[in-house]
Amino acid sequence: MVISAMGDGSFGFTCGELETIVRRNVPLKMIVFSNSVY
């Protein structure tokens, strides 16, 4: 099991890869610490 932990700043950099994750059906678990700030 692999966990990706990111802030919401990082999510904005990389969220396009959610399509890659779904297309490849990789069971990655992602946690976003959402606090609206760098």
PDB file of all heavy atoms in Angstrom:
ATOM      1  N   MET A   1       0.853  -1.185   0.000  1.00  0.00           N
ATOM      2  CA  MET A   1       0.000   0.000   0.000  1.00  0.00           C
ATOM      3  C   MET A   1       0.889   1.235   0.000  1.00  0.00           C
ATOM      4  O   MET A   1       1.834   1.330   0.789  1.00  0.00           O
ATOM      5  CB  MET A   1      -0.910   0.023   1.221  1.00  0.00           C
ATOM      6  CG  MET A   1      -1.822   1.259   1.262  1.00  0.00           C
ATOM      7  SD  MET A   1      -2.998   1.239   2.636  1.00  0.00           S
ATOM      8  CE  MET A   1      -4.154  -0.004   2.026  1.00  0.00           C
ATOM      9  N   VAL A   2       0.609   2.162  -0.906  1.00  0.00           N
ATOM     10  CA  VAL A   2       1.394   3.390  -1.016  1.00  0.00           C
ATOM     11  C   VAL A   2       0.478   4.582  -0.761  1.00  0.00           C
ATOM     12  O   VAL A   2      -0.623   4.675  -1.315  1.00  0.00           O
ATOM     13  CB  VAL A   2       2.066   3.520  -2.397  1.00  0.00           C
ATOM     14  CG1 VAL A   2       2.886   4.801  -2.468  1.00  0.00           C
ATOM     15  CG2 VAL A   2       2.956   2.307  -2.674  1.00  0.00           C
ATOM     16  N   ILE A   3       0.946   5.483   0.098  1.00  0.00           N
ATOM     17  CA  ILE A   3       0.209   6.686   0.479  1.00  0.00           C
ATOM     18  C   ILE A   3       0.940   7.903  -0.065  1.00  0.00           C
ATOM     19  O   ILE A   3       2.142   8.047   0.135  1.00  0.00           O
ATOM     20  CB  ILE A   3       0.115   6.817   2.013  1.00  0.00           C
ATOM     21  CG1 ILE A   3      -0.496   5.572   2.636  1.00  0.00           C
ATOM     22  CG2 ILE A   3      -0.671   8.065   2.405  1.00  0.00           C
ATOM     23  CD1 ILE A   3      -1.928   5.352   2.288  1.00  0.00           C
ATOM     24  N   SER A   4       0.220   8.779  -0.749  1.00  0.00           N
ATOM     25  CA  SER A   4       0.766  10.068  -1.161  1.00  0.00           C
ATOM     26  C   SER A   4       0.153  11.151  -0.295  1.00  0.00           C
ATOM     27  O   SER A   4      -1.067  11.311  -0.269  1.00  0.00           O
ATOM     28  CB  SER A   4       0.446  10.338  -2.636  1.00  0.00           C
ATOM     29  OG  SER A   4       0.673  11.703  -2.954  1.00  0.00           O
ATOM     30  N   ALA A   5       0.997  11.893   0.436  1.00  0.00           N
ATOM     31  CA  ALA A   5       0.521  12.984   1.289  1.00  0.00           C
ATOM     32  C   ALA A   5       1.006  14.306   0.716  1.00  0.00           C
ATOM     33  O   ALA A   5       2.201  14.463   0.435  1.00  0.00           O
ATOM     34  CB  ALA A   5       1.028  12.806   2.718  1.00  0.00           C
ATOM     35  N   MET A   6       0.074  15.222   0.534  1.00  0.00           N
ATOM     36  CA  MET A   6       0.440  16.502  -0.092  1.00  0.00           C
ATOM     37  C   MET A   6      -0.377  17.629   0.512  1.00  0.00           C
ATOM     38  O   MET A   6      -1.459  17.416   1.070  1.00  0.00           O
ATOM     39  CB  MET A   6       0.217  16.434  -1.601  1.00  0.00           C
ATOM     40  CG  MET A   6      -1.258  16.345  -2.005  1.00  0.00           C
ATOM     41  SD  MET A   6      -1.513  15.760  -3.690  1.00  0.00           S
ATOM     42  CE  MET A   6      -1.676  13.994  -3.377  1.00  0.00           C
ATOM     43  N   GLY A   7       0.174  18.831   0.416  1.00  0.00           N
ATOM     44  CA  GLY A   7      -0.619  20.004   0.730  1.00  0.00           C
ATOM     45  C   GLY A   7      -1.454  20.387  -0.471  1.00  0.00           C
ATOM     46  O   GLY A   7      -1.265  19.875  -1.581  1.00  0.00           O
ATOM     47  N   ASP A   8      -2.367  21.339  -0.289  1.00  0.00           N
ATOM     48  CA  ASP A   8      -3.178  21.745  -1.430  1.00  0.00           C
ATOM     49  C   ASP A   8      -2.369  22.556  -2.431  1.00  0.00           C
ATOM     50  O   ASP A   8      -2.714  22.602  -3.621  1.00  0.00           O
ATOM     51  CB  ASP A   8      -4.448  22.485  -0.997  1.00  0.00           C
ATOM     52  CG  ASP A   8      -4.234  23.512   0.099  1.00  0.00           C
ATOM     53  OD1 ASP A   8      -3.073  23.764   0.462  1.00  0.00           O
ATOM     54  OD2 ASP A   8      -5.235  24.056   0.601  1.00  0.00           O
ATOM     55  N   GLY A   9      -1.273  23.175  -1.981  1.00  0.00           N
ATOM     56  CA  GLY A   9      -0.381  23.819  -2.940  1.00  0.00           C
ATOM     57  C   GLY A   9       0.206  22.805  -3.905  1.00  0.00           C
ATOM     58  O   GLY A   9       0.212  23.006  -5.124  1.00  0.00           O
ATOM     59  N   SER A  10       0.672  21.695  -3.374  1.00  0.00           N
ATOM     60  CA  SER A  10       1.238  20.644  -4.216  1.00  0.00           C
ATOM     61  C   SER A  10       0.187  20.008  -5.114  1.00  0.00           C
ATOM     62  O   SER A  10       0.462  19.671  -6.266  1.00  0.00           O
ATOM     63  CB  SER A  10       1.888  19.565  -3.339  1.00  0.00           C
ATOM     64  OG  SER A  10       3.089  20.034  -2.788  1.00  0.00           O
ATOM     65  N   PHE A  11      -1.029  19.850  -4.597  1.00  0.00           N
ATOM     66  CA  PHE A  11      -2.107  19.279  -5.410  1.00  0.00           C
ATOM     67  C   PHE A  11      -2.302  20.091  -6.690  1.00  0.00           C
ATOM     68  O   PHE A  11      -2.487  19.532  -7.782  1.00  0.00           O
ATOM     69  CB  PHE A  11      -3.407  19.243  -4.604  1.00  0.00           C
ATOM     70  CG  PHE A  11      -4.579  18.665  -5.354  1.00  0.00           C
ATOM     71  CD1 PHE A  11      -4.835  17.298  -5.323  1.00  0.00           C
ATOM     72  CD2 PHE A  11      -5.443  19.487  -6.081  1.00  0.00           C
ATOM     73  CE1 PHE A  11      -5.916  16.758  -6.014  1.00  0.00           C
ATOM     74  CE2 PHE A  11      -6.525  18.956  -6.765  1.00  0.00           C
ATOM     75  CZ  PHE A  11      -6.765  17.595  -6.743  1.00  0.00           C
ATOM     76  N   GLY A  12      -2.220  21.405  -6.566  1.00  0.00           N
ATOM     77  CA  GLY A  12      -2.386  22.259  -7.738  1.00  0.00           C
ATOM     78  C   GLY A  12      -1.299  22.079  -8.776  1.00  0.00           C
ATOM     79  O   GLY A  12      -1.525  22.314  -9.968  1.00  0.00           O
ATOM     80  N   PHE A  13      -0.117  21.667  -8.350  1.00  0.00           N
ATOM     81  CA  PHE A  13       0.980  21.429  -9.284  1.00  0.00           C
ATOM     82  C   PHE A  13       0.754  20.168 -10.123  1.00  0.00           C
ATOM     83  O   PHE A  13       1.256  20.070 -11.225  1.00  0.00           O
ATOM     84  CB  PHE A  13       2.287  21.229  -8.511  1.00  0.00           C
ATOM     85  CG  PHE A  13       3.021  22.485  -8.152  1.00  0.00           C
ATOM     86  CD1 PHE A  13       2.531  23.347  -7.197  1.00  0.00           C
ATOM     87  CD2 PHE A  13       4.233  22.791  -8.746  1.00  0.00           C
ATOM     88  CE1 PHE A  13       3.209  24.493  -6.844  1.00  0.00           C
ATOM     89  CE2 PHE A  13       4.933  23.937  -8.399  1.00  0.00           C
ATOM     90  CZ  PHE A  13       4.424  24.791  -7.450  1.00  0.00           C
ATOM     91  N   THR A  14       0.054  19.189  -9.577  1.00  0.00           N
ATOM     92  CA  THR A  14       0.188  17.826 -10.092  1.00  0.00           C
ATOM     93  C   THR A  14      -1.116  17.094 -10.363  1.00  0.00           C
ATOM     94  O   THR A  14      -1.094  15.940 -10.782  1.00  0.00           O
ATOM     95  CB  THR A  14       1.033  17.005  -9.081  1.00  0.00           C
ATOM     96  OG1 THR A  14       1.418  15.774  -9.643  1.00  0.00           O
ATOM     97  CG2 THR A  14       0.261  16.745  -7.803  1.00  0.00           C
ATOM     98  N   CYS A  15      -2.262  17.743 -10.180  1.00  0.00           N
ATOM     99  CA  CYS A  15      -3.523  16.995 -10.209  1.00  0.00           C
ATOM    100  C   CYS A  15      -3.851  16.406 -11.577  1.00  0.00           C
ATOM    101  O   CYS A  15      -4.687  15.501 -11.673  1.00  0.00           O
ATOM    102  CB  CYS A  15      -4.677  17.849  -9.699  1.00  0.00           C
ATOM    103  SG  CYS A  15      -4.998  19.334 -10.674  1.00  0.00           S
ATOM    104  N   GLY A  16      -3.195  16.865 -12.633  1.00  0.00           N
ATOM    105  CA  GLY A  16      -3.424  16.260 -13.941  1.00  0.00           C
ATOM    106  C   GLY A  16      -3.085  14.791 -13.992  1.00  0.00           C
ATOM    107  O   GLY A  16      -3.635  14.038 -14.811  1.00  0.00           O
ATOM    108  N   GLU A  17      -2.185  14.356 -13.100  1.00  0.00           N
ATOM    109  CA  GLU A  17      -1.815  12.943 -13.093  1.00  0.00           C
ATOM    110  C   GLU A  17      -2.883  12.050 -12.480  1.00  0.00           C
ATOM    111  O   GLU A  17      -2.757  10.822 -12.523  1.00  0.00           O
ATOM    112  CB  GLU A  17      -0.479  12.740 -12.368  1.00  0.00           C
ATOM    113  CG  GLU A  17       0.708  13.406 -13.040  1.00  0.00           C
ATOM    114  CD  GLU A  17       0.916  13.023 -14.503  1.00  0.00           C
ATOM    115  OE1 GLU A  17       0.483  11.918 -14.909  1.00  0.00           O
ATOM    116  OE2 GLU A  17       1.510  13.833 -15.236  1.00  0.00           O
ATOM    117  N   LEU A  18      -3.946  12.633 -11.942  1.00  0.00           N
ATOM    118  CA  LEU A  18      -5.069  11.806 -11.512  1.00  0.00           C
ATOM    119  C   LEU A  18      -5.620  10.998 -12.683  1.00  0.00           C
ATOM    120  O   LEU A  18      -6.067   9.861 -12.511  1.00  0.00           O
ATOM    121  CB  LEU A  18      -6.164  12.679 -10.899  1.00  0.00           C
ATOM    122  CG  LEU A  18      -5.859  13.293  -9.526  1.00  0.00           C
ATOM    123  CD1 LEU A  18      -6.901  14.343  -9.168  1.00  0.00           C
ATOM    124  CD2 LEU A  18      -5.777  12.223  -8.449  1.00  0.00           C
ATOM    125  N   GLU A  19      -5.574  11.581 -13.875  1.00  0.00           N
ATOM    126  CA  GLU A  19      -6.019  10.832 -15.057  1.00  0.00           C
ATOM    127  C   GLU A  19      -5.123   9.632 -15.308  1.00  0.00           C
ATOM    128  O   GLU A  19      -5.615   8.528 -15.630  1.00  0.00           O
ATOM    129  CB  GLU A  19      -6.045  11.759 -16.277  1.00  0.00           C
ATOM    130  CG  GLU A  19      -6.665  11.135 -17.518  1.00  0.00           C
ATOM    131  CD  GLU A  19      -5.709  10.241 -18.304  1.00  0.00           C
ATOM    132  OE1 GLU A  19      -4.490  10.545 -18.324  1.00  0.00           O
ATOM    133  OE2 GLU A  19      -6.166   9.238 -18.885  1.00  0.00           O
ATOM    134  N   THR A  20      -3.818   9.806 -15.157  1.00  0.00           N
ATOM    135  CA  THR A  20      -2.882   8.687 -15.337  1.00  0.00           C
ATOM    136  C   THR A  20      -3.167   7.594 -14.318  1.00  0.00           C
ATOM    137  O   THR A  20      -3.181   6.398 -14.652  1.00  0.00           O
ATOM    138  CB  THR A  20      -1.434   9.178 -15.183  1.00  0.00           C
ATOM    139  OG1 THR A  20      -1.215  10.315 -16.019  1.00  0.00           O
ATOM    140  CG2 THR A  20      -0.446   8.080 -15.544  1.00  0.00           C
ATOM    141  N   ILE A  21      -3.396   7.997 -13.085  1.00  0.00           N
ATOM    142  CA  ILE A  21      -3.667   7.032 -12.014  1.00  0.00           C
ATOM    143  C   ILE A  21      -4.914   6.218 -12.326  1.00  0.00           C
ATOM    144  O   ILE A  21      -4.938   4.992 -12.166  1.00  0.00           O
ATOM    145  CB  ILE A  21      -3.803   7.781 -10.668  1.00  0.00           C
ATOM    146  CG1 ILE A  21      -2.448   8.383 -10.258  1.00  0.00           C
ATOM    147  CG2 ILE A  21      -4.334   6.865  -9.572  1.00  0.00           C
ATOM    148  CD1 ILE A  21      -2.537   9.398  -9.141  1.00  0.00           C
ATOM    149  N   VAL A  22      -5.972   6.886 -12.807  1.00  0.00           N
ATOM    150  CA  VAL A  22      -7.218   6.194 -13.120  1.00  0.00           C
ATOM    151  C   VAL A  22      -7.054   5.318 -14.357  1.00  0.00           C
ATOM    152  O   VAL A  22      -7.506   4.164 -14.387  1.00  0.00           O
ATOM    153  CB  VAL A  22      -8.354   7.213 -13.320  1.00  0.00           C
ATOM    154  CG1 VAL A  22      -9.608   6.533 -13.859  1.00  0.00           C
ATOM    155  CG2 VAL A  22      -8.663   7.916 -12.005  1.00  0.00           C
ATOM    156  N   ARG A  23      -6.413   5.846 -15.395  1.00  0.00           N
ATOM    157  CA  ARG A  23      -6.225   5.078 -16.633  1.00  0.00           C
ATOM    158  C   ARG A  23      -5.464   3.786 -16.380  1.00  0.00           C
ATOM    159  O   ARG A  23      -5.768   2.735 -16.954  1.00  0.00           O
ATOM    160  CB  ARG A  23      -5.499   5.947 -17.671  1.00  0.00           C
ATOM    161  CG  ARG A  23      -5.050   5.218 -18.910  1.00  0.00           C
ATOM    162  CD  ARG A  23      -4.595   6.158 -20.020  1.00  0.00           C
ATOM    163  NE  ARG A  23      -4.020   7.391 -19.573  1.00  0.00           N
ATOM    164  CZ  ARG A  23      -2.710   7.600 -19.361  1.00  0.00           C
ATOM    165  NH1 ARG A  23      -1.838   6.623 -19.547  1.00  0.00           N
ATOM    166  NH2 ARG A  23      -2.281   8.787 -18.971  1.00  0.00           N
ATOM    167  N   ARG A  24      -4.465   3.865 -15.497  1.00  0.00           N
ATOM    168  CA  ARG A  24      -3.657   2.688 -15.195  1.00  0.00           C
ATOM    169  C   ARG A  24      -4.237   1.870 -14.036  1.00  0.00           C
ATOM    170  O   ARG A  24      -3.694   0.824 -13.695  1.00  0.00           O
ATOM    171  CB  ARG A  24      -2.222   3.119 -14.853  1.00  0.00           C
ATOM    172  CG  ARG A  24      -1.490   3.844 -15.975  1.00  0.00           C
ATOM    173  CD  ARG A  24      -1.204   2.966 -17.165  1.00  0.00           C
ATOM    174  NE  ARG A  24      -0.424   1.800 -16.791  1.00  0.00           N
ATOM    175  CZ  ARG A  24       0.445   1.175 -17.586  1.00  0.00           C
ATOM    176  NH1 ARG A  24       0.654   1.606 -18.810  1.00  0.00           N
ATOM    177  NH2 ARG A  24       1.091   0.113 -17.163  1.00  0.00           N
ATOM    178  N   ASN A  25      -5.300   2.363 -13.419  1.00  0.00           N
ATOM    179  CA  ASN A  25      -5.944   1.699 -12.283  1.00  0.00           C
ATOM    180  C   ASN A  25      -4.935   1.336 -11.198  1.00  0.00           C
ATOM    181  O   ASN A  25      -4.902   0.224 -10.672  1.00  0.00           O
ATOM    182  CB  ASN A  25      -6.701   0.442 -12.731  1.00  0.00           C
ATOM    183  CG  ASN A  25      -7.648  -0.062 -11.651  1.00  0.00           C
ATOM    184  OD1 ASN A  25      -8.152   0.714 -10.851  1.00  0.00           O
ATOM    185  ND2 ASN A  25      -7.875  -1.361 -11.610  1.00  0.00           N
ATOM    186  N   VAL A  26      -4.110   2.307 -10.853  1.00  0.00           N
ATOM    187  CA  VAL A  26      -3.132   2.133  -9.777  1.00  0.00           C
ATOM    188  C   VAL A  26      -3.812   2.511  -8.466  1.00  0.00           C
ATOM    189  O   VAL A  26      -4.315   3.635  -8.323  1.00  0.00           O
ATOM    190  CB  VAL A  26      -1.885   3.000 -10.031  1.00  0.00           C
ATOM    191  CG1 VAL A  26      -0.973   3.025  -8.820  1.00  0.00           C
ATOM    192  CG2 VAL A  26      -1.130   2.477 -11.249  1.00  0.00           C
ATOM    193  N   PRO A  27      -3.843   1.614  -7.470  1.00  0.00           N
ATOM    194  CA  PRO A  27      -4.642   1.845  -6.255  1.00  0.00           C
ATOM    195  C   PRO A  27      -3.981   2.772  -5.241  1.00  0.00           C
ATOM    196  O   PRO A  27      -3.948   2.495  -4.034  1.00  0.00           O
ATOM    197  CB  PRO A  27      -4.806   0.426  -5.697  1.00  0.00           C
ATOM    198  CG  PRO A  27      -3.558  -0.280  -6.105  1.00  0.00           C
ATOM    199  CD  PRO A  27      -3.220   0.278  -7.475  1.00  0.00           C
ATOM    200  N   LEU A  28      -3.471   3.886  -5.714  1.00  0.00           N
ATOM    201  CA  LEU A  28      -2.783   4.840  -4.851  1.00  0.00           C
ATOM    202  C   LEU A  28      -3.772   5.514  -3.903  1.00  0.00           C
ATOM    203  O   LEU A  28      -4.888   5.859  -4.286  1.00  0.00           O
ATOM    204  CB  LEU A  28      -2.089   5.889  -5.726  1.00  0.00           C
ATOM    205  CG  LEU A  28      -1.224   6.927  -5.031  1.00  0.00           C
ATOM    206  CD1 LEU A  28      -0.035   6.273  -4.352  1.00  0.00           C
ATOM    207  CD2 LEU A  28      -0.750   7.968  -6.054  1.00  0.00           C
ATOM    208  N   LYS A  29      -3.357   5.691  -2.660  1.00  0.00           N
ATOM    209  CA  LYS A  29      -4.166   6.403  -1.668  1.00  0.00           C
ATOM    210  C   LYS A  29      -3.552   7.787  -1.449  1.00  0.00           C
ATOM    211  O   LYS A  29      -2.356   7.897  -1.143  1.00  0.00           O
ATOM    212  CB  LYS A  29      -4.224   5.644  -0.343  1.00  0.00           C
ATOM    213  CG  LYS A  29      -4.524   4.150  -0.482  1.00  0.00           C
ATOM    214  CD  LYS A  29      -5.781   3.837  -1.267  1.00  0.00           C
ATOM    215  CE  LYS A  29      -5.980   2.335  -1.406  1.00  0.00           C
ATOM    216  NZ  LYS A  29      -7.051   2.003  -2.375  1.00  0.00           N
ATOM    217  N   MET A  30      -4.374   8.822  -1.620  1.00  0.00           N
ATOM    218  CA  MET A  30      -3.871  10.193  -1.577  1.00  0.00           C
ATOM    219  C   MET A  30      -4.543  10.982  -0.460  1.00  0.00           C
ATOM    220  O   MET A  30      -5.750  10.870  -0.250  1.00  0.00           O
ATOM    221  CB  MET A  30      -4.122  10.880  -2.926  1.00  0.00           C
ATOM    222  CG  MET A  30      -3.306  10.276  -4.060  1.00  0.00           C
ATOM    223  SD  MET A  30      -3.965  10.683  -5.709  1.00  0.00           S
ATOM    224  CE  MET A  30      -5.294   9.474  -5.850  1.00  0.00           C
ATOM    225  N   ILE A  31      -3.751  11.769   0.252  1.00  0.00           N
ATOM    226  CA  ILE A  31      -4.250  12.615   1.333  1.00  0.00           C
ATOM    227  C   ILE A  31      -3.858  14.054   1.019  1.00  0.00           C
ATOM    228  O   ILE A  31      -2.670  14.347   0.779  1.00  0.00           O
ATOM    229  CB  ILE A  31      -3.653  12.199   2.691  1.00  0.00           C
ATOM    230  CG1 ILE A  31      -4.102  10.786   3.053  1.00  0.00           C
ATOM    231  CG2 ILE A  31      -4.045  13.198   3.777  1.00  0.00           C
ATOM    232  CD1 ILE A  31      -3.389  10.223   4.261  1.00  0.00           C
ATOM    233  N   VAL A  32      -4.844  14.940   1.007  1.00  0.00           N
ATOM    234  CA  VAL A  32      -4.577  16.358   0.805  1.00  0.00           C
ATOM    235  C   VAL A  32      -4.815  17.089   2.120  1.00  0.00           C
ATOM    236  O   VAL A  32      -5.915  17.030   2.690  1.00  0.00           O
ATOM    237  CB  VAL A  32      -5.467  16.961  -0.296  1.00  0.00           C
ATOM    238  CG1 VAL A  32      -5.153  18.449  -0.468  1.00  0.00           C
ATOM    239  CG2 VAL A  32      -5.270  16.227  -1.618  1.00  0.00           C
ATOM    240  N   PHE A  33      -3.768  17.758   2.616  1.00  0.00           N
ATOM    241  CA  PHE A  33      -3.911  18.649   3.771  1.00  0.00           C
ATOM    242  C   PHE A  33      -4.381  20.001   3.214  1.00  0.00           C
ATOM    243  O   PHE A  33      -3.582  20.762   2.662  1.00  0.00           O
ATOM    244  CB  PHE A  33      -2.588  18.799   4.518  1.00  0.00           C
ATOM    245  CG  PHE A  33      -2.162  17.560   5.261  1.00  0.00           C
ATOM    246  CD1 PHE A  33      -1.477  16.542   4.612  1.00  0.00           C
ATOM    247  CD2 PHE A  33      -2.446  17.409   6.609  1.00  0.00           C
ATOM    248  CE1 PHE A  33      -1.077  15.399   5.292  1.00  0.00           C
ATOM    249  CE2 PHE A  33      -2.051  16.274   7.302  1.00  0.00           C
ATOM    250  CZ  PHE A  33      -1.371  15.260   6.640  1.00  0.00           C
ATOM    251  N   SER A  34      -5.665  20.251   3.336  1.00  0.00           N
ATOM    252  CA  SER A  34      -6.267  21.423   2.704  1.00  0.00           C
ATOM    253  C   SER A  34      -6.316  22.579   3.695  1.00  0.00           C
ATOM    254  O   SER A  34      -7.070  22.545   4.670  1.00  0.00           O
ATOM    255  CB  SER A  34      -7.682  21.068   2.225  1.00  0.00           C
ATOM    256  OG  SER A  34      -8.292  22.178   1.628  1.00  0.00           O
ATOM    257  N   ASN A  35      -5.484  23.594   3.450  1.00  0.00           N
ATOM    258  CA  ASN A  35      -5.483  24.756   4.341  1.00  0.00           C
ATOM    259  C   ASN A  35      -5.318  26.081   3.599  1.00  0.00           C
ATOM    260  O   ASN A  35      -5.100  27.114   4.218  1.00  0.00           O
ATOM    261  CB  ASN A  35      -4.404  24.601   5.428  1.00  0.00           C
ATOM    262  CG  ASN A  35      -3.064  24.168   4.858  1.00  0.00           C
ATOM    263  OD1 ASN A  35      -2.728  24.517   3.725  1.00  0.00           O
ATOM    264  ND2 ASN A  35      -2.301  23.414   5.633  1.00  0.00           N
ATOM    265  N   SER A  36      -5.377  26.033   2.276  1.00  0.00           N
ATOM    266  CA  SER A  36      -5.460  27.252   1.442  1.00  0.00           C
ATOM    267  C   SER A  36      -4.273  28.197   1.612  1.00  0.00           C
ATOM    268  O   SER A  36      -4.451  29.416   1.658  1.00  0.00           O
ATOM    269  CB  SER A  36      -6.762  28.009   1.733  1.00  0.00           C
ATOM    270  OG  SER A  36      -7.875  27.173   1.570  1.00  0.00           O
ATOM    271  N   VAL A  37      -3.089  27.624   1.707  1.00  0.00           N
ATOM    272  CA  VAL A  37      -1.924  28.476   1.932  1.00  0.00           C
ATOM    273  C   VAL A  37      -0.652  27.742   1.527  1.00  0.00           C
ATOM    274  O   VAL A  37      -0.571  26.517   1.609  1.00  0.00           O
ATOM    275  CB  VAL A  37      -1.844  28.888   3.429  1.00  0.00           C
ATOM    276  CG1 VAL A  37      -1.619  27.671   4.330  1.00  0.00           C
ATOM    277  CG2 VAL A  37      -0.744  29.921   3.674  1.00  0.00           C
ATOM    278  N   TYR A  38       0.322  28.502   1.043  1.00  0.00           N
ATOM    279  CA  TYR A  38       1.684  27.977   0.939  1.00  0.00           C
ATOM    280  C   TYR A  38       2.293  28.106   2.335  1.00  0.00           C
ATOM    281  O   TYR A  38       2.915  29.098   2.695  1.00  0.00           O
ATOM    282  CB  TYR A  38       2.496  28.753  -0.100  1.00  0.00           C
ATOM    283  CG  TYR A  38       2.092  28.431  -1.525  1.00  0.00           C
ATOM    284  CD1 TYR A  38       1.584  29.406  -2.367  1.00  0.00           C
ATOM    285  CD2 TYR A  38       2.227  27.138  -2.025  1.00  0.00           C
ATOM    286  CE1 TYR A  38       1.206  29.115  -3.679  1.00  0.00           C
ATOM    287  CE2 TYR A  38       1.865  26.824  -3.334  1.00  0.00           C
ATOM    288  CZ  TYR A  38       1.354  27.817  -4.147  1.00  0.00           C
ATOM    289  OH  TYR A  38       0.992  27.501  -5.438  1.00  0.00           O
TER     290      TYR A  38
END
